[in-house]
N, C-alpha and C. Protein backbone atom coordinates (compact mmCIF):
# COMPACT_ATOMS: atom_id res chain seq x y z
N UNK A 1 20.78 -108.05 135.97
CA UNK A 1 20.18 -108.99 134.91
C UNK A 1 20.17 -108.34 133.56
N UNK A 2 20.70 -108.74 132.58
CA UNK A 2 20.56 -108.23 131.26
C UNK A 2 19.52 -108.89 130.51
N UNK A 3 18.42 -108.24 130.10
CA UNK A 3 17.41 -108.89 129.32
C UNK A 3 17.77 -108.42 127.73
N UNK A 4 17.68 -109.54 127.02
CA UNK A 4 18.02 -109.40 125.55
C UNK A 4 16.55 -109.66 124.94
N UNK A 5 16.13 -108.85 123.88
CA UNK A 5 14.86 -109.15 123.18
C UNK A 5 15.42 -108.57 121.76
N UNK A 6 15.20 -109.57 120.81
CA UNK A 6 15.65 -109.59 119.32
C UNK A 6 14.84 -109.71 118.45
N UNK A 7 14.59 -108.93 117.47
CA UNK A 7 13.70 -109.26 116.22
C UNK A 7 14.70 -108.72 114.95
N UNK A 8 14.80 -109.76 114.03
CA UNK A 8 15.46 -109.60 113.01
C UNK A 8 14.69 -110.04 111.72
N UNK A 9 14.79 -109.29 110.49
CA UNK A 9 14.24 -110.03 109.54
C UNK A 9 15.29 -110.11 108.49
N UNK A 10 15.30 -111.42 107.71
CA UNK A 10 16.04 -111.88 106.73
C UNK A 10 15.28 -112.20 105.48
N UNK A 11 14.96 -111.07 104.76
CA UNK A 11 13.95 -111.42 103.56
C UNK A 11 12.61 -111.94 104.24
N UNK A 12 11.98 -112.83 103.84
CA UNK A 12 11.09 -113.37 104.47
C UNK A 12 11.02 -114.05 105.95
N UNK A 13 12.04 -114.39 106.26
CA UNK A 13 12.37 -115.05 107.54
C UNK A 13 12.52 -113.96 108.62
N UNK A 14 11.94 -114.37 109.81
CA UNK A 14 11.96 -113.63 110.84
C UNK A 14 12.45 -114.09 112.11
N UNK A 15 13.58 -113.63 112.67
CA UNK A 15 14.22 -114.15 113.87
C UNK A 15 13.52 -113.30 115.07
N UNK A 16 13.06 -114.01 115.95
CA UNK A 16 12.74 -113.38 117.48
C UNK A 16 13.16 -114.51 118.53
N UNK A 17 13.72 -113.72 119.29
CA UNK A 17 14.24 -114.45 120.60
C UNK A 17 14.27 -113.56 121.59
N UNK A 18 14.59 -114.01 122.64
CA UNK A 18 14.56 -113.27 124.02
C UNK A 18 15.32 -114.24 125.23
N UNK A 19 16.12 -113.54 125.95
CA UNK A 19 16.65 -114.32 127.06
C UNK A 19 17.29 -113.37 128.01
N UNK A 20 17.71 -113.72 129.08
CA UNK A 20 18.13 -113.10 130.26
C UNK A 20 19.55 -113.85 130.73
N UNK A 21 20.45 -112.94 131.17
CA UNK A 21 21.73 -113.37 131.55
C UNK A 21 21.96 -112.71 132.85
N UNK A 22 22.21 -113.49 133.98
CA UNK A 22 22.68 -112.99 135.18
C UNK A 22 23.96 -112.21 135.25
N UNK A 23 24.09 -110.97 135.75
CA UNK A 23 25.46 -110.19 135.87
C UNK A 23 26.43 -111.21 136.63
N UNK A 24 27.75 -111.15 135.73
CA UNK A 24 28.73 -111.89 136.34
C UNK A 24 28.89 -113.16 135.90
N UNK A 25 27.71 -113.69 135.17
CA UNK A 25 27.57 -115.18 134.69
C UNK A 25 28.55 -115.29 133.47
N UNK A 26 28.84 -116.56 133.11
CA UNK A 26 29.44 -116.87 131.91
C UNK A 26 28.27 -117.47 130.93
N UNK A 27 28.03 -117.04 129.73
CA UNK A 27 26.84 -117.66 129.06
C UNK A 27 27.29 -118.05 127.75
N UNK A 28 26.94 -119.26 127.18
CA UNK A 28 27.15 -119.63 125.99
C UNK A 28 26.10 -119.78 124.86
N UNK A 29 26.13 -119.73 123.84
CA UNK A 29 25.17 -119.87 122.62
C UNK A 29 25.75 -120.96 121.85
N UNK A 30 25.10 -122.13 121.92
CA UNK A 30 25.44 -123.27 120.99
C UNK A 30 24.41 -124.10 120.08
N UNK A 31 24.58 -124.51 118.91
CA UNK A 31 23.63 -125.28 118.20
C UNK A 31 24.15 -125.90 117.15
N UNK A 32 23.43 -126.42 116.25
CA UNK A 32 23.86 -127.12 115.02
C UNK A 32 24.39 -125.91 114.00
N UNK A 33 25.26 -126.33 112.89
CA UNK A 33 25.60 -125.19 111.83
C UNK A 33 24.28 -124.65 111.24
N UNK A 34 24.38 -123.51 111.15
CA UNK A 34 23.06 -122.77 110.36
C UNK A 34 22.01 -122.52 111.42
N UNK A 35 22.20 -122.70 112.71
CA UNK A 35 21.02 -122.57 113.48
C UNK A 35 20.69 -120.74 113.89
N UNK A 36 21.73 -120.09 113.61
CA UNK A 36 21.73 -118.66 113.72
C UNK A 36 22.34 -118.18 114.92
N UNK A 37 23.40 -118.84 115.46
CA UNK A 37 24.34 -118.43 116.28
C UNK A 37 24.98 -117.14 116.24
N UNK A 38 25.66 -117.00 115.03
CA UNK A 38 26.18 -115.81 114.80
C UNK A 38 25.29 -114.59 114.48
N UNK A 39 24.28 -114.94 113.77
CA UNK A 39 23.25 -113.83 113.51
C UNK A 39 22.77 -113.38 114.88
N UNK A 40 22.38 -114.10 115.77
CA UNK A 40 21.88 -113.80 117.22
C UNK A 40 23.24 -112.76 117.75
N UNK A 41 24.38 -113.25 117.65
CA UNK A 41 25.51 -112.35 118.29
C UNK A 41 25.70 -111.23 117.79
N UNK A 42 25.44 -111.09 116.33
CA UNK A 42 25.50 -109.94 115.58
C UNK A 42 24.42 -108.93 115.72
N UNK A 43 23.10 -109.48 115.98
CA UNK A 43 22.02 -108.65 116.24
C UNK A 43 22.17 -107.86 117.74
N UNK A 44 22.65 -108.93 118.73
CA UNK A 44 22.82 -108.15 120.06
C UNK A 44 24.03 -107.17 120.07
N UNK A 45 24.96 -107.24 119.13
CA UNK A 45 26.11 -106.08 118.89
C UNK A 45 25.59 -104.82 118.00
N UNK A 46 24.34 -105.11 117.48
CA UNK A 46 23.76 -104.08 116.85
C UNK A 46 24.37 -104.11 115.22
N UNK A 47 25.21 -105.11 114.84
CA UNK A 47 25.65 -105.20 113.48
C UNK A 47 24.77 -105.72 112.36
């Protein structure tokens, strides 16, 4: 199991999220435009 806990600040806005992914699973992140999908992936990647 991969556990991810992310906290990232964008000015006065703060993103906090957490989730778990089972080893060997395929996982997708989806949502409306501007929902923070790319920011979440960048935070996981350490960018």
